[in-house]
Amino acid sequence: MERAVDVRLGRFEPTLEALRERPLPAWDRRRHFSAEPERTRAYIFVLDTVNFCFWGARGGYWRLAEGLRDAFNGDSRLWEPAVLEALAPAQLRVHVGDLPLLPERAAALRELGALARDQGSFDGLVQPTAAGQARFLADRLASFRDVAGYGGLEVPFLKRAQITAADLNGAGVAGFPDLDSLTCFADYKLPQALRHLGAIEYSDRLARRVDDWRELEPGEPAEVEIRSATVVAVERLRSALAESGRELRSFEVDWMLWDLALGLYPVRPHHRVRTVFY
């Protein structure tokens, strides 16, 4: 964060206080699809392939998760690679409603379907480790290749690639020995909560852009700084919680912050970026 211009780390104590006794959210088997392992794995790959850009849409993530749950409980056949390979935006809309970037979501699912066919099934996409799972998806699917540039450096966030590994584990359909290798999933809601609690701070010019609901460009320096600060802040929070006796993995701190962010009111806007990466 030493090179950052528009984002800096702030005070962590208010966030620590908010997290110290907060329960760790469990994987929600009611709102997600949960059945036999093979179809559940397919559901998670489909879900996290289109798990991005919910601002401006009613219902957000849960509308997507529940819409796909119902589709997997019905006769959609979205668990079949060939069906995904031919998926059109209008067909996807039937299941998830009018979410932003529907053409991009359908394209990402067509790409996923082709990869699942090449691997023989969705089970063929599962890797032995969480880090390997994230790398595999980022290497093989363009919509998972969430790597930004900043001052000549490559900054790999891999938000959706990492969350897929965590979700496979959360649903109990994959067991990874290295879950502590995952970082948080740098998105919109985490920096909103961290800023609200003072753990990250914006320059005046960035604060005006965010608070005025002006979109940032994907990969512009300020956007990369927001996401980078989010990752660094979560790591520091994880370390501080461990020192106080609460051992958590980074993605578990993420889940707690995301759940906390949903209940903040009043709260300043989150930053807005039109992207397939988060």
C-alpha atoms as a PDB file:
ATOM      1  CA  MET A   1       0.000   0.000   0.000  1.00  0.00           C
ATOM      2  CA  GLU A   2       3.023   2.304   0.151  1.00  0.00           C
ATOM      3  CA  ARG A   3       2.553   3.339  -3.486  1.00  0.00           C
ATOM      4  CA  ALA A   4      -1.174   4.018  -3.212  1.00  0.00           C
ATOM      5  CA  VAL A   5      -2.377   7.557  -3.946  1.00  0.00           C
ATOM      6  CA  ASP A   6      -6.115   7.481  -3.237  1.00  0.00           C
ATOM      7  CA  VAL A   7      -6.569   4.734  -0.623  1.00  0.00           C
ATOM      8  CA  ARG A   8      -4.864   4.238   2.722  1.00  0.00           C
ATOM      9  CA  LEU A   9      -5.296   1.992   5.729  1.00  0.00           C
ATOM     10  CA  GLY A  10      -6.964   3.499   8.772  1.00  0.00           C
ATOM     11  CA  ARG A  11      -7.848   2.402  12.305  1.00  0.00           C
ATOM     12  CA  PHE A  12      -8.602  -1.281  12.783  1.00  0.00           C
ATOM     13  CA  GLU A  13      -9.975  -1.326  16.329  1.00  0.00           C
ATOM     14  CA  PRO A  14     -13.632  -0.522  15.415  1.00  0.00           C
ATOM     15  CA  THR A  15     -13.643  -3.324  12.840  1.00  0.00           C
ATOM     16  CA  LEU A  16     -12.018  -5.730  15.282  1.00  0.00           C
ATOM     17  CA  GLU A  17     -14.651  -4.909  17.867  1.00  0.00           C
ATOM     18  CA  ALA A  18     -17.379  -5.576  15.313  1.00  0.00           C
ATOM     19  CA  LEU A  19     -15.885  -8.976  14.432  1.00  0.00           C
ATOM     20  CA  ARG A  20     -14.598 -10.362  17.727  1.00  0.00           C
ATOM     21  CA  GLU A  21     -17.893 -11.888  18.848  1.00  0.00           C
ATOM     22  CA  ARG A  22     -19.641 -12.030  15.497  1.00  0.00           C
ATOM     23  CA  PRO A  23     -20.695 -15.554  14.499  1.00  0.00           C
ATOM     24  CA  LEU A  24     -19.195 -17.093  11.401  1.00  0.00           C
ATOM     25  CA  PRO A  25     -21.930 -17.434   8.744  1.00  0.00           C
ATOM     26  CA  ALA A  26     -22.535 -21.001   7.672  1.00  0.00           C
ATOM     27  CA  TRP A  27     -23.079 -22.149   4.100  1.00  0.00           C
ATOM     28  CA  ASP A  28     -26.794 -21.581   3.508  1.00  0.00           C
ATOM     29  CA  ARG A  29     -28.198 -24.892   2.284  1.00  0.00           C
ATOM     30  CA  ARG A  30     -31.712 -23.478   2.042  1.00  0.00           C
ATOM     31  CA  ARG A  31     -30.929 -20.582  -0.290  1.00  0.00           C
ATOM     32  CA  HIS A  32     -28.316 -22.495  -2.298  1.00  0.00           C
ATOM     33  CA  PHE A  33     -28.909 -25.714  -4.197  1.00  0.00           C
ATOM     34  CA  SER A  34     -27.969 -28.736  -2.090  1.00  0.00           C
ATOM     35  CA  ALA A  35     -28.445 -32.299  -3.279  1.00  0.00           C
ATOM     36  CA  GLU A  36     -26.218 -35.074  -4.549  1.00  0.00           C
ATOM     37  CA  PRO A  37     -22.533 -34.015  -4.696  1.00  0.00           C
ATOM     38  CA  GLU A  38     -22.089 -34.127  -8.485  1.00  0.00           C
ATOM     39  CA  ARG A  39     -24.975 -31.790  -9.266  1.00  0.00           C
ATOM     40  CA  THR A  40     -24.107 -29.549  -6.302  1.00  0.00           C
ATOM     41  CA  ARG A  41     -20.589 -29.128  -7.668  1.00  0.00           C
ATOM     42  CA  ALA A  42     -22.060 -28.214 -11.060  1.00  0.00           C
ATOM     43  CA  TYR A  43     -24.328 -25.675  -9.361  1.00  0.00           C
ATOM     44  CA  ILE A  44     -21.389 -24.001  -7.614  1.00  0.00           C
ATOM     45  CA  PHE A  45     -19.356 -23.741 -10.805  1.00  0.00           C
ATOM     46  CA  VAL A  46     -22.356 -22.252 -12.610  1.00  0.00           C
ATOM     47  CA  LEU A  47     -23.174 -19.905  -9.712  1.00  0.00           C
ATOM     48  CA  ASP A  48     -19.666 -18.523  -9.328  1.00  0.00           C
ATOM     49  CA  THR A  49     -19.189 -18.161 -13.069  1.00  0.00           C
ATOM     50  CA  VAL A  50     -21.943 -15.502 -13.012  1.00  0.00           C
ATOM     51  CA  ASN A  51     -21.307 -14.212  -9.476  1.00  0.00           C
ATOM     52  CA  PHE A  52     -20.546 -10.587 -10.382  1.00  0.00           C
ATOM     53  CA  CYS A  53     -21.955  -7.066 -10.800  1.00  0.00           C
ATOM     54  CA  PHE A  54     -25.146  -6.955  -8.750  1.00  0.00           C
ATOM     55  CA  TRP A  55     -25.387  -3.237  -8.056  1.00  0.00           C
ATOM     56  CA  GLY A  56     -28.479  -1.666  -9.516  1.00  0.00           C
ATOM     57  CA  ALA A  57     -30.297  -5.011  -9.504  1.00  0.00           C
ATOM     58  CA  ARG A  58     -33.024  -5.907  -7.042  1.00  0.00           C
ATOM     59  CA  GLY A  59     -32.195  -8.921  -4.919  1.00  0.00           C
ATOM     60  CA  GLY A  60     -28.475  -9.027  -5.670  1.00  0.00           C
ATOM     61  CA  TYR A  61     -26.510 -12.192  -5.027  1.00  0.00           C
ATOM     62  CA  TRP A  62     -29.347 -14.038  -3.338  1.00  0.00           C
ATOM     63  CA  ARG A  63     -31.626 -13.531  -6.304  1.00  0.00           C
ATOM     64  CA  LEU A  64     -28.984 -15.230  -8.448  1.00  0.00           C
ATOM     65  CA  ALA A  65     -28.283 -18.038  -5.974  1.00  0.00           C
ATOM     66  CA  GLU A  66     -31.958 -18.829  -5.435  1.00  0.00           C
ATOM     67  CA  GLY A  67     -32.851 -18.515  -9.108  1.00  0.00           C
ATOM     68  CA  LEU A  68     -30.156 -21.020 -10.025  1.00  0.00           C
ATOM     69  CA  ARG A  69     -31.174 -23.229  -7.072  1.00  0.00           C
ATOM     70  CA  ASP A  70     -34.684 -23.417  -8.499  1.00  0.00           C
ATOM     71  CA  ALA A  71     -33.318 -24.052 -11.983  1.00  0.00           C
ATOM     72  CA  PHE A  72     -31.209 -26.955 -10.673  1.00  0.00           C
ATOM     73  CA  ASN A  73     -34.232 -28.335  -8.825  1.00  0.00           C
ATOM     74  CA  GLY A  74     -36.249 -28.141 -12.031  1.00  0.00           C
ATOM     75  CA  ASP A  75     -35.755 -29.296 -15.595  1.00  0.00           C
ATOM     76  CA  SER A  76     -33.339 -26.563 -16.775  1.00  0.00           C
ATOM     77  CA  ARG A  77     -30.510 -29.063 -17.391  1.00  0.00           C
ATOM     78  CA  LEU A  78     -28.026 -26.308 -16.611  1.00  0.00           C
ATOM     79  CA  TRP A  79     -25.834 -29.025 -15.094  1.00  0.00           C
ATOM     80  CA  GLU A  80     -25.246 -30.427 -18.583  1.00  0.00           C
ATOM     81  CA  PRO A  81     -22.227 -28.912 -20.381  1.00  0.00           C
ATOM     82  CA  ALA A  82     -23.963 -29.050 -23.774  1.00  0.00           C
ATOM     83  CA  VAL A  83     -26.879 -26.972 -22.468  1.00  0.00           C
ATOM     84  CA  LEU A  84     -24.513 -24.319 -21.117  1.00  0.00           C
ATOM     85  CA  GLU A  85     -22.544 -24.221 -24.377  1.00  0.00           C
ATOM     86  CA  ALA A  86     -25.710 -23.159 -26.219  1.00  0.00           C
ATOM     87  CA  LEU A  87     -27.059 -20.780 -23.551  1.00  0.00           C
ATOM     88  CA  ALA A  88     -28.429 -17.419 -24.737  1.00  0.00           C
ATOM     89  CA  PRO A  89     -28.966 -14.356 -22.514  1.00  0.00           C
ATOM     90  CA  ALA A  90     -32.753 -14.655 -22.848  1.00  0.00           C
ATOM     91  CA  GLN A  91     -32.619 -18.225 -21.550  1.00  0.00           C
ATOM     92  CA  LEU A  92     -30.508 -17.164 -18.580  1.00  0.00           C
ATOM     93  CA  ARG A  93     -32.931 -14.318 -17.829  1.00  0.00           C
ATOM     94  CA  VAL A  94     -35.712 -16.854 -17.312  1.00  0.00           C
ATOM     95  CA  HIS A  95     -33.806 -18.253 -14.323  1.00  0.00           C
ATOM     96  CA  VAL A  96     -32.117 -15.207 -12.773  1.00  0.00           C
ATOM     97  CA  GLY A  97     -34.131 -12.192 -13.943  1.00  0.00           C
ATOM     98  CA  ASP A  98     -32.830  -8.925 -15.349  1.00  0.00           C
ATOM     99  CA  LEU A  99     -29.374  -8.837 -13.823  1.00  0.00           C
ATOM    100  CA  PRO A 100     -26.769  -6.479 -15.320  1.00  0.00           C
ATOM    101  CA  LEU A 101     -24.407  -7.791 -17.996  1.00  0.00           C
ATOM    102  CA  LEU A 102     -26.621 -10.716 -19.020  1.00  0.00           C
ATOM    103  CA  PRO A 103     -24.819 -11.189 -22.371  1.00  0.00           C
ATOM    104  CA  GLU A 104     -21.481 -11.371 -20.534  1.00  0.00           C
ATOM    105  CA  ARG A 105     -22.911 -13.822 -17.996  1.00  0.00           C
ATOM    106  CA  ALA A 106     -24.261 -16.075 -20.743  1.00  0.00           C
ATOM    107  CA  ALA A 107     -20.927 -15.933 -22.590  1.00  0.00           C
ATOM    108  CA  ALA A 108     -19.079 -16.922 -19.410  1.00  0.00           C
ATOM    109  CA  LEU A 109     -21.410 -19.898 -18.947  1.00  0.00           C
ATOM    110  CA  ARG A 110     -20.892 -21.000 -22.544  1.00  0.00           C
ATOM    111  CA  GLU A 111     -17.147 -20.921 -21.885  1.00  0.00           C
ATOM    112  CA  LEU A 112     -17.665 -22.942 -18.687  1.00  0.00           C
ATOM    113  CA  GLY A 113     -19.767 -25.498 -20.530  1.00  0.00           C
ATOM    114  CA  ALA A 114     -17.053 -25.994 -23.139  1.00  0.00           C
ATOM    115  CA  LEU A 115     -14.431 -26.540 -20.441  1.00  0.00           C
ATOM    116  CA  ALA A 116     -16.641 -29.010 -18.555  1.00  0.00           C
ATOM    117  CA  ARG A 117     -17.184 -30.938 -21.789  1.00  0.00           C
ATOM    118  CA  ASP A 118     -13.433 -31.011 -22.441  1.00  0.00           C
ATOM    119  CA  GLN A 119     -12.808 -32.276 -18.894  1.00  0.00           C
ATOM    120  CA  GLY A 120     -15.497 -34.961 -19.198  1.00  0.00           C
ATOM    121  CA  SER A 121     -17.829 -33.494 -16.554  1.00  0.00           C
ATOM    122  CA  PHE A 122     -18.064 -30.766 -13.927  1.00  0.00           C
ATOM    123  CA  ASP A 123     -16.352 -33.139 -11.526  1.00  0.00           C
ATOM    124  CA  GLY A 124     -13.383 -32.972 -13.876  1.00  0.00           C
ATOM    125  CA  LEU A 125     -12.997 -29.291 -12.991  1.00  0.00           C
ATOM    126  CA  VAL A 126     -12.332 -30.023  -9.303  1.00  0.00           C
ATOM    127  CA  GLN A 127      -8.649 -29.775  -8.359  1.00  0.00           C
ATOM    128  CA  PRO A 128      -6.750 -31.279  -5.392  1.00  0.00           C
ATOM    129  CA  THR A 129      -6.043 -27.974  -3.625  1.00  0.00           C
ATOM    130  CA  ALA A 130      -7.784 -24.637  -3.142  1.00  0.00           C
ATOM    131  CA  ALA A 131      -4.854 -22.728  -4.650  1.00  0.00           C
ATOM    132  CA  GLY A 132      -4.767 -25.160  -7.561  1.00  0.00           C
ATOM    133  CA  GLN A 133      -8.516 -24.748  -8.033  1.00  0.00           C
ATOM    134  CA  ALA A 134      -8.191 -20.977  -8.300  1.00  0.00           C
ATOM    135  CA  ARG A 135      -5.212 -21.208 -10.676  1.00  0.00           C
ATOM    136  CA  PHE A 136      -6.981 -23.781 -12.866  1.00  0.00           C
ATOM    137  CA  LEU A 137     -10.055 -21.612 -13.329  1.00  0.00           C
ATOM    138  CA  ALA A 138      -8.027 -18.449 -13.939  1.00  0.00           C
ATOM    139  CA  ASP A 139      -5.826 -20.240 -16.469  1.00  0.00           C
ATOM    140  CA  ARG A 140      -8.642 -21.922 -18.373  1.00  0.00           C
ATOM    141  CA  LEU A 141     -11.506 -19.405 -18.279  1.00  0.00           C
ATOM    142  CA  ALA A 142     -11.118 -15.775 -19.372  1.00  0.00           C
ATOM    143  CA  SER A 143     -13.897 -14.509 -17.114  1.00  0.00           C
ATOM    144  CA  PHE A 144     -12.003 -15.818 -14.060  1.00  0.00           C
ATOM    145  CA  ARG A 145      -8.698 -14.195 -15.081  1.00  0.00           C
ATOM    146  CA  ASP A 146      -8.980 -11.377 -12.554  1.00  0.00           C
ATOM    147  CA  VAL A 147      -5.490  -9.859 -12.717  1.00  0.00           C
ATOM    148  CA  ALA A 148      -4.990  -6.093 -12.695  1.00  0.00           C
ATOM    149  CA  GLY A 149      -2.032  -3.957 -13.679  1.00  0.00           C
ATOM    150  CA  TYR A 150      -0.633  -1.281 -11.384  1.00  0.00           C
ATOM    151  CA  GLY A 151       2.529   0.706 -11.963  1.00  0.00           C
ATOM    152  CA  GLY A 152       4.087  -2.059 -14.042  1.00  0.00           C
ATOM    153  CA  LEU A 153       3.073  -4.780 -11.563  1.00  0.00           C
ATOM    154  CA  GLU A 154       0.578  -7.601 -12.018  1.00  0.00           C
ATOM    155  CA  VAL A 155      -1.921  -7.743  -9.154  1.00  0.00           C
ATOM    156  CA  PRO A 156      -3.813 -11.076  -9.059  1.00  0.00           C
ATOM    157  CA  PHE A 157      -7.096 -10.775  -7.170  1.00  0.00           C
ATOM    158  CA  LEU A 158      -8.805 -13.882  -8.626  1.00  0.00           C
ATOM    159  CA  LYS A 159     -11.956 -13.054  -6.699  1.00  0.00           C
ATOM    160  CA  ARG A 160     -14.323 -15.542  -8.332  1.00  0.00           C
ATOM    161  CA  ALA A 161     -11.700 -18.248  -8.821  1.00  0.00           C
ATOM    162  CA  GLN A 162     -10.960 -18.214  -5.096  1.00  0.00           C
ATOM    163  CA  ILE A 163     -14.575 -17.981  -3.998  1.00  0.00           C
ATOM    164  CA  THR A 164     -15.367 -21.065  -6.068  1.00  0.00           C
ATOM    165  CA  ALA A 165     -12.864 -23.058  -4.015  1.00  0.00           C
ATOM    166  CA  ALA A 166     -14.327 -21.694  -0.772  1.00  0.00           C
ATOM    167  CA  ASP A 167     -17.889 -22.437  -1.900  1.00  0.00           C
ATOM    168  CA  LEU A 168     -17.060 -26.002  -2.922  1.00  0.00           C
ATOM    169  CA  ASN A 169     -15.658 -26.470   0.553  1.00  0.00           C
ATOM    170  CA  GLY A 170     -18.567 -24.680   2.241  1.00  0.00           C
ATOM    171  CA  ALA A 171     -21.099 -26.882   0.466  1.00  0.00           C
ATOM    172  CA  GLY A 172     -19.184 -29.969   1.580  1.00  0.00           C
ATOM    173  CA  VAL A 173     -18.509 -31.244  -1.945  1.00  0.00           C
ATOM    174  CA  ALA A 174     -14.727 -30.734  -2.002  1.00  0.00           C
ATOM    175  CA  GLY A 175     -12.123 -31.011   0.716  1.00  0.00           C
ATOM    176  CA  PHE A 176      -9.074 -28.810   0.254  1.00  0.00           C
ATOM    177  CA  PRO A 177      -6.051 -29.092   2.597  1.00  0.00           C
ATOM    178  CA  ASP A 178      -4.862 -25.527   1.987  1.00  0.00           C
ATOM    179  CA  LEU A 179      -7.880 -23.266   2.583  1.00  0.00           C
ATOM    180  CA  ASP A 180      -5.625 -20.897   4.510  1.00  0.00           C
ATOM    181  CA  SER A 181      -3.930 -20.073   1.188  1.00  0.00           C
ATOM    182  CA  LEU A 182      -7.027 -18.185   0.007  1.00  0.00           C
ATOM    183  CA  THR A 183      -7.208 -14.423   0.428  1.00  0.00           C
ATOM    184  CA  CYS A 184     -10.426 -12.499   0.873  1.00  0.00           C
ATOM    185  CA  PHE A 185     -12.605 -11.948  -2.195  1.00  0.00           C
ATOM    186  CA  ALA A 186     -12.120  -8.282  -3.084  1.00  0.00           C
ATOM    187  CA  ASP A 187     -15.510  -7.002  -4.214  1.00  0.00           C
ATOM    188  CA  TYR A 188     -17.866  -4.067  -3.564  1.00  0.00           C
ATOM    189  CA  LYS A 189     -19.301  -4.872  -0.146  1.00  0.00           C
ATOM    190  CA  LEU A 190     -16.092  -5.540   1.783  1.00  0.00           C
ATOM    191  CA  PRO A 191     -14.473  -2.154   1.108  1.00  0.00           C
ATOM    192  CA  GLN A 192     -17.803  -0.490   1.845  1.00  0.00           C
ATOM    193  CA  ALA A 193     -17.858  -2.097   5.314  1.00  0.00           C
ATOM    194  CA  LEU A 194     -14.155  -1.448   5.919  1.00  0.00           C
ATOM    195  CA  ARG A 195     -14.535   2.208   4.960  1.00  0.00           C
ATOM    196  CA  HIS A 196     -17.635   2.568   7.140  1.00  0.00           C
ATOM    197  CA  LEU A 197     -15.682   1.246  10.135  1.00  0.00           C
ATOM    198  CA  GLY A 198     -12.571   3.312   9.369  1.00  0.00           C
ATOM    199  CA  ALA A 199     -10.223   0.477   8.427  1.00  0.00           C
ATOM    200  CA  ILE A 200      -9.640   1.978   4.972  1.00  0.00           C
ATOM    201  CA  GLU A 201      -9.855   5.630   3.952  1.00  0.00           C
ATOM    202  CA  TYR A 202     -10.265   7.350   0.580  1.00  0.00           C
ATOM    203  CA  SER A 203      -8.719  10.570  -0.649  1.00  0.00           C
ATOM    204  CA  ASP A 204     -11.144  13.475  -0.994  1.00  0.00           C
ATOM    205  CA  ARG A 205     -11.296  13.133  -4.768  1.00  0.00           C
ATOM    206  CA  LEU A 206     -11.986   9.380  -4.657  1.00  0.00           C
ATOM    207  CA  ALA A 207     -14.521   9.812  -1.842  1.00  0.00           C
ATOM    208  CA  ARG A 208     -16.437  12.311  -3.978  1.00  0.00           C
ATOM    209  CA  ARG A 209     -16.509   9.939  -6.946  1.00  0.00           C
ATOM    210  CA  VAL A 210     -17.717   7.001  -4.873  1.00  0.00           C
ATOM    211  CA  ASP A 211     -20.224   8.989  -2.814  1.00  0.00           C
ATOM    212  CA  ASP A 212     -21.634  10.604  -5.967  1.00  0.00           C
ATOM    213  CA  TRP A 213     -22.206   7.122  -7.428  1.00  0.00           C
ATOM    214  CA  ARG A 214     -19.850   7.796 -10.342  1.00  0.00           C
ATOM    215  CA  GLU A 215     -18.519   4.638 -11.947  1.00  0.00           C
ATOM    216  CA  LEU A 216     -14.829   3.773 -11.803  1.00  0.00           C
ATOM    217  CA  GLU A 217     -13.159   2.162 -14.778  1.00  0.00           C
ATOM    218  CA  PRO A 218     -12.106  -1.492 -14.403  1.00  0.00           C
ATOM    219  CA  GLY A 219      -8.379  -1.624 -13.686  1.00  0.00           C
ATOM    220  CA  GLU A 220      -7.885   2.105 -13.131  1.00  0.00           C
ATOM    221  CA  PRO A 221      -5.396   2.856 -10.320  1.00  0.00           C
ATOM    222  CA  ALA A 222      -7.985   3.932  -7.753  1.00  0.00           C
ATOM    223  CA  GLU A 223     -10.016   0.761  -8.286  1.00  0.00           C
ATOM    224  CA  VAL A 224      -6.918  -1.429  -7.919  1.00  0.00           C
ATOM    225  CA  GLU A 225      -6.003   0.468  -4.745  1.00  0.00           C
ATOM    226  CA  ILE A 226      -9.461  -0.123  -3.230  1.00  0.00           C
ATOM    227  CA  ARG A 227      -9.261  -3.840  -3.885  1.00  0.00           C
ATOM    228  CA  SER A 228      -5.630  -4.110  -2.755  1.00  0.00           C
ATOM    229  CA  ALA A 229      -6.379  -2.239   0.470  1.00  0.00           C
ATOM    230  CA  THR A 230      -9.277  -4.612   1.084  1.00  0.00           C
ATOM    231  CA  VAL A 231      -6.998  -7.665   0.840  1.00  0.00           C
ATOM    232  CA  VAL A 232      -4.325  -6.115   3.070  1.00  0.00           C
ATOM    233  CA  ALA A 233      -6.891  -4.957   5.646  1.00  0.00           C
ATOM    234  CA  VAL A 234      -8.454  -8.422   5.878  1.00  0.00           C
ATOM    235  CA  GLU A 235      -5.045 -10.015   6.393  1.00  0.00           C
ATOM    236  CA  ARG A 236      -4.279  -7.584   9.212  1.00  0.00           C
ATOM    237  CA  LEU A 237      -7.673  -8.189  10.772  1.00  0.00           C
ATOM    238  CA  ARG A 238      -7.137 -11.951  10.585  1.00  0.00           C
ATOM    239  CA  SER A 239      -3.750 -11.606  12.307  1.00  0.00           C
ATOM    240  CA  ALA A 240      -5.155  -9.326  15.004  1.00  0.00           C
ATOM    241  CA  LEU A 241      -8.064 -11.682  15.677  1.00  0.00           C
ATOM    242  CA  ALA A 242      -5.633 -14.595  15.958  1.00  0.00           C
ATOM    243  CA  GLU A 243      -3.582 -12.654  18.500  1.00  0.00           C
ATOM    244  CA  SER A 244      -6.731 -12.185  20.592  1.00  0.00           C
ATOM    245  CA  GLY A 245      -7.488 -15.906  20.458  1.00  0.00           C
ATOM    246  CA  ARG A 246      -9.864 -16.197  17.501  1.00  0.00           C
ATOM    247  CA  GLU A 247      -8.268 -18.208  14.698  1.00  0.00           C
ATOM    248  CA  LEU A 248      -9.952 -17.605  11.358  1.00  0.00           C
ATOM    249  CA  ARG A 249      -8.970 -18.033   7.732  1.00  0.00           C
ATOM    250  CA  SER A 250      -9.012 -15.010   5.451  1.00  0.00           C
ATOM    251  CA  PHE A 251     -12.104 -16.124   3.563  1.00  0.00           C
ATOM    252  CA  GLU A 252     -13.939 -16.584   6.864  1.00  0.00           C
ATOM    253  CA  VAL A 253     -13.145 -12.982   7.826  1.00  0.00           C
ATOM    254  CA  ASP A 254     -14.467 -12.109   4.355  1.00  0.00           C
ATOM    255  CA  TRP A 255     -17.754 -13.929   5.014  1.00  0.00           C
ATOM    256  CA  MET A 256     -18.183 -12.108   8.327  1.00  0.00           C
ATOM    257  CA  LEU A 257     -17.496  -8.698   6.768  1.00  0.00           C
ATOM    258  CA  TRP A 258     -19.831  -9.385   3.837  1.00  0.00           C
ATOM    259  CA  ASP A 259     -22.588 -10.412   6.229  1.00  0.00           C
ATOM    260  CA  LEU A 260     -21.889  -7.326   8.357  1.00  0.00           C
ATOM    261  CA  ALA A 261     -22.019  -5.063   5.291  1.00  0.00           C
ATOM    262  CA  LEU A 262     -25.540  -6.215   4.443  1.00  0.00           C
ATOM    263  CA  GLY A 263     -26.844  -4.795   7.717  1.00  0.00           C
ATOM    264  CA  LEU A 264     -25.087  -1.413   7.728  1.00  0.00           C
ATOM    265  CA  TYR A 265     -27.474   1.538   7.664  1.00  0.00           C
ATOM    266  CA  PRO A 266     -27.012   4.372   7.047  1.00  0.00           C
ATOM    267  CA  VAL A 267     -23.861   3.731   5.063  1.00  0.00           C
ATOM    268  CA  ARG A 268     -22.027   5.525   2.274  1.00  0.00           C
ATOM    269  CA  PRO A 269     -22.221   4.003  -1.224  1.00  0.00           C
ATOM    270  CA  HIS A 270     -19.879   1.285  -2.391  1.00  0.00           C
ATOM    271  CA  HIS A 271     -17.675   1.897  -5.398  1.00  0.00           C
ATOM    272  CA  ARG A 272     -19.162   0.953  -8.749  1.00  0.00           C
ATOM    273  CA  VAL A 273     -17.340  -0.803 -11.555  1.00  0.00           C
ATOM    274  CA  ARG A 274     -18.953  -2.535 -14.515  1.00  0.00           C
ATOM    275  CA  THR A 275     -16.906  -5.721 -14.681  1.00  0.00           C
ATOM    276  CA  VAL A 276     -17.246  -9.491 -14.883  1.00  0.00           C
ATOM    277  CA  PHE A 277     -14.626 -10.024 -12.191  1.00  0.00           C
ATOM    278  CA  TYR A 278     -16.727  -9.061  -9.124  1.00  0.00           C
END
